[in-house]
N, C-alpha and C. Protein backbone atom coordinates (compact mmCIF):
# COMPACT_ATOMS: atom_id res chain seq x y z
N MET A 1 0.80 -1.42 0.13
CA MET A 1 0.03 -0.13 0.08
C MET A 1 0.94 1.42 0.11
N ASP A 2 0.58 2.22 -0.83
CA ASP A 2 1.20 3.37 -0.90
C ASP A 2 0.61 4.76 -0.07
N ILE A 3 1.41 5.12 0.72
CA ILE A 3 0.70 6.35 1.30
C ILE A 3 1.43 7.71 0.53
N LYS A 4 0.43 8.53 0.27
CA LYS A 4 1.13 9.94 -0.38
C LYS A 4 0.97 10.91 0.41
N LYS A 5 1.79 11.80 0.29
CA LYS A 5 1.77 12.98 0.95
C LYS A 5 1.74 14.14 -0.03
N HIS A 6 0.82 15.43 0.17
CA HIS A 6 0.84 16.30 -0.76
C HIS A 6 1.43 17.72 -0.16
N LEU A 7 2.03 18.30 -1.13
CA LEU A 7 2.79 19.67 -0.86
C LEU A 7 2.53 20.52 -1.88
N MET A 8 1.97 22.10 -1.34
CA MET A 8 1.62 23.00 -2.17
C MET A 8 2.92 23.85 -2.40
N ILE A 9 2.93 24.07 -3.66
CA ILE A 9 4.29 24.87 -4.16
C ILE A 9 3.95 25.99 -5.22
N THR A 10 4.45 27.07 -5.35
CA THR A 10 4.35 27.95 -6.27
C THR A 10 5.72 28.11 -7.17
N GLY A 11 5.64 27.87 -8.38
CA GLY A 11 6.79 28.22 -9.23
C GLY A 11 6.60 29.24 -10.14
N ASN A 12 7.66 29.93 -10.64
CA ASN A 12 7.77 31.24 -11.39
C ASN A 12 8.76 31.14 -12.50
N SER A 13 8.28 31.83 -13.64
CA SER A 13 9.52 31.84 -15.01
C SER A 13 9.08 33.26 -15.25
N THR A 14 10.20 33.69 -16.39
CA THR A 14 9.87 34.85 -17.23
C THR A 14 9.58 34.17 -18.50
N VAL A 15 9.63 32.98 -18.67
CA VAL A 15 9.59 32.13 -20.13
C VAL A 15 8.24 31.77 -20.49
N SER A 16 7.61 30.97 -19.62
CA SER A 16 6.23 30.43 -19.96
C SER A 16 5.74 29.52 -18.60
N TRP A 17 4.38 28.87 -18.80
CA TRP A 17 4.01 28.44 -17.54
C TRP A 17 4.62 27.06 -17.29
N LYS A 18 4.93 26.36 -18.78
CA LYS A 18 5.43 25.12 -18.75
C LYS A 18 6.93 25.22 -17.92
N ASP A 19 7.63 26.29 -18.30
CA ASP A 19 9.21 26.46 -17.80
C ASP A 19 8.91 26.38 -16.43
N ALA A 20 7.94 27.49 -15.57
CA ALA A 20 7.84 27.46 -14.35
C ALA A 20 7.40 26.13 -13.66
N ILE A 21 6.72 25.34 -14.27
CA ILE A 21 6.23 24.01 -13.85
C ILE A 21 7.60 23.03 -13.66
N VAL A 22 8.40 23.26 -14.81
CA VAL A 22 9.60 22.38 -14.82
C VAL A 22 10.47 22.84 -13.89
N LYS A 23 10.73 24.04 -13.70
CA LYS A 23 11.79 24.54 -12.86
C LYS A 23 11.36 24.20 -11.42
N ALA A 24 10.03 24.33 -11.20
CA ALA A 24 9.42 24.22 -9.75
C ALA A 24 9.48 22.72 -9.36
N ILE A 25 9.54 21.60 -10.17
CA ILE A 25 9.40 20.28 -10.01
C ILE A 25 11.10 19.92 -9.75
N ALA A 26 11.97 20.32 -10.67
CA ALA A 26 13.19 20.26 -10.61
C ALA A 26 13.83 20.71 -8.95
N GLU A 27 13.45 21.87 -8.69
CA GLU A 27 13.95 22.40 -7.35
C GLU A 27 13.36 21.28 -6.27
N ALA A 28 12.10 21.12 -6.26
CA ALA A 28 11.51 20.19 -5.26
C ALA A 28 12.17 18.95 -5.33
N SER A 29 12.47 18.38 -6.17
CA SER A 29 13.19 17.06 -6.60
C SER A 29 14.53 16.96 -5.76
N LYS A 30 15.26 18.26 -5.66
CA LYS A 30 16.44 18.19 -4.87
C LYS A 30 16.31 17.81 -3.22
N SER A 31 15.10 18.18 -2.71
CA SER A 31 15.11 17.87 -1.21
C SER A 31 13.77 16.98 -0.91
N ILE A 32 13.16 16.56 -1.87
CA ILE A 32 12.02 15.71 -1.69
C ILE A 32 12.27 14.24 -2.54
N ASP A 33 12.17 13.09 -1.81
CA ASP A 33 12.39 11.81 -2.57
C ASP A 33 10.90 11.47 -2.95
N TYR A 34 10.85 10.73 -4.15
CA TYR A 34 9.67 9.94 -4.36
C TYR A 34 8.68 10.65 -4.83
N LEU A 35 8.87 11.85 -5.55
CA LEU A 35 7.71 12.68 -6.15
C LEU A 35 7.18 11.94 -7.07
N SER A 36 5.84 11.77 -7.10
CA SER A 36 5.18 10.71 -7.94
C SER A 36 4.17 11.62 -8.89
N GLU A 37 3.56 12.55 -8.72
CA GLU A 37 2.68 13.40 -9.22
C GLU A 37 2.30 15.07 -9.04
N VAL A 38 2.07 15.28 -10.04
CA VAL A 38 1.80 16.87 -10.02
C VAL A 38 0.17 17.15 -10.58
N LYS A 39 -0.27 18.09 -9.96
CA LYS A 39 -1.59 18.71 -10.33
C LYS A 39 -1.35 20.28 -10.48
N ILE A 40 -1.82 20.74 -11.33
CA ILE A 40 -1.47 22.07 -11.70
C ILE A 40 -2.92 22.84 -11.22
N ILE A 41 -2.95 23.79 -9.99
CA ILE A 41 -3.86 23.98 -9.43
C ILE A 41 -4.46 25.47 -10.19
N GLU A 42 -3.66 26.19 -10.28
CA GLU A 42 -3.87 27.60 -10.88
C GLU A 42 -2.73 28.03 -11.48
N GLN A 43 -3.06 28.94 -12.48
CA GLN A 43 -1.81 29.60 -13.64
C GLN A 43 -2.19 31.10 -13.41
N ARG A 44 -1.06 31.94 -13.14
CA ARG A 44 -1.28 33.66 -13.47
C ARG A 44 0.05 34.02 -14.01
N ALA A 45 -0.15 35.41 -14.21
CA ALA A 45 0.61 35.99 -14.83
C ALA A 45 0.86 37.41 -14.14
N ILE A 46 1.98 38.00 -14.58
CA ILE A 46 2.15 39.63 -14.32
C ILE A 46 2.30 40.37 -15.72
N ILE A 47 1.40 41.26 -15.90
CA ILE A 47 1.49 41.79 -17.50
C ILE A 47 2.27 43.29 -17.06
N ASP A 48 3.09 43.45 -18.19
CA ASP A 48 3.78 44.84 -18.12
C ASP A 48 3.90 45.50 -19.37
N GLY A 49 3.40 46.54 -19.57
CA GLY A 49 3.57 47.04 -20.74
C GLY A 49 2.77 46.03 -21.90
N GLY A 50 1.58 45.82 -21.47
CA GLY A 50 0.97 44.88 -22.51
C GLY A 50 1.38 43.43 -22.84
N LYS A 51 2.53 43.07 -22.12
CA LYS A 51 2.94 41.67 -22.27
C LYS A 51 3.12 41.10 -20.88
N ILE A 52 3.26 39.75 -21.16
CA ILE A 52 3.51 39.14 -19.76
C ILE A 52 5.01 39.13 -19.42
N SER A 53 5.33 39.41 -18.38
CA SER A 53 6.62 39.47 -17.79
C SER A 53 7.09 38.40 -16.68
N GLU A 54 6.10 37.81 -16.26
CA GLU A 54 6.55 36.81 -15.29
C GLU A 54 5.22 35.79 -15.24
N TYR A 55 5.43 34.57 -14.90
CA TYR A 55 4.49 33.38 -15.24
C TYR A 55 4.46 32.92 -13.96
N PHE A 56 3.33 32.49 -13.09
CA PHE A 56 3.26 31.99 -12.08
C PHE A 56 2.54 30.48 -12.00
N VAL A 57 2.94 29.26 -11.32
CA VAL A 57 1.82 27.92 -11.25
C VAL A 57 2.04 27.94 -9.84
N ASP A 58 0.61 27.38 -9.41
CA ASP A 58 0.32 26.90 -8.01
C ASP A 58 0.59 25.38 -8.35
N LEU A 59 1.12 24.47 -7.56
CA LEU A 59 1.23 23.16 -7.83
C LEU A 59 0.99 22.32 -6.66
N ASP A 60 0.31 21.20 -6.84
CA ASP A 60 -0.06 20.09 -6.07
C ASP A 60 0.90 18.98 -6.21
N LEU A 61 2.06 18.90 -5.53
CA LEU A 61 2.99 17.96 -5.64
C LEU A 61 2.73 16.58 -4.57
N SER A 62 2.74 15.33 -5.18
CA SER A 62 2.44 14.20 -4.32
C SER A 62 3.96 13.70 -4.38
N PHE A 63 3.98 12.85 -3.13
CA PHE A 63 5.23 12.09 -3.02
C PHE A 63 4.79 10.92 -2.24
N VAL A 64 5.61 9.85 -2.37
CA VAL A 64 5.35 8.38 -1.65
C VAL A 64 5.91 8.64 -0.48
N ILE A 65 5.39 8.08 0.67
CA ILE A 65 6.01 8.05 1.92
C ILE A 65 6.74 6.65 2.15
N ASP A 66 7.97 6.62 2.41
CA ASP A 66 8.90 5.59 2.46
C ASP A 66 8.64 4.84 3.86
N LEU A 67 7.59 3.71 4.15
CA LEU A 67 7.19 3.41 5.29
C LEU A 67 8.51 2.46 5.76
N ASN A 68 9.54 2.08 4.93
CA ASN A 68 10.61 1.40 5.51
C ASN A 68 11.89 2.18 5.93
N ARG A 69 11.60 3.58 5.69
CA ARG A 69 12.62 4.37 6.05
C ARG A 69 13.13 4.34 7.76
N LYS A 70 14.36 4.36 7.82
CA LYS A 70 14.81 4.27 9.28
C LYS A 70 15.10 5.52 9.76
N ASN A 71 14.84 6.13 10.84
CA ASN A 71 14.81 7.51 11.35
C ASN A 71 16.03 7.35 12.22
N GLY A 72 16.90 8.82 11.95
CA GLY A 72 18.14 8.62 12.91
C GLY A 72 19.07 8.46 11.77
């Protein structure tokens, strides 16, 4: 049986929403083991001079709890 935990994070990029998602997952994977799923909750952007200047994504990341992990 897998037990999953969820973590809400926000990613950002000056390139695109996809880039913001990829960067956020890459950064989270540096400190969280067993990432398994991502759900995009919301996308938004800042507009400057009639153009998008920064993209933001709110993500729900899931990761599997390692039930066999030894503490300490």
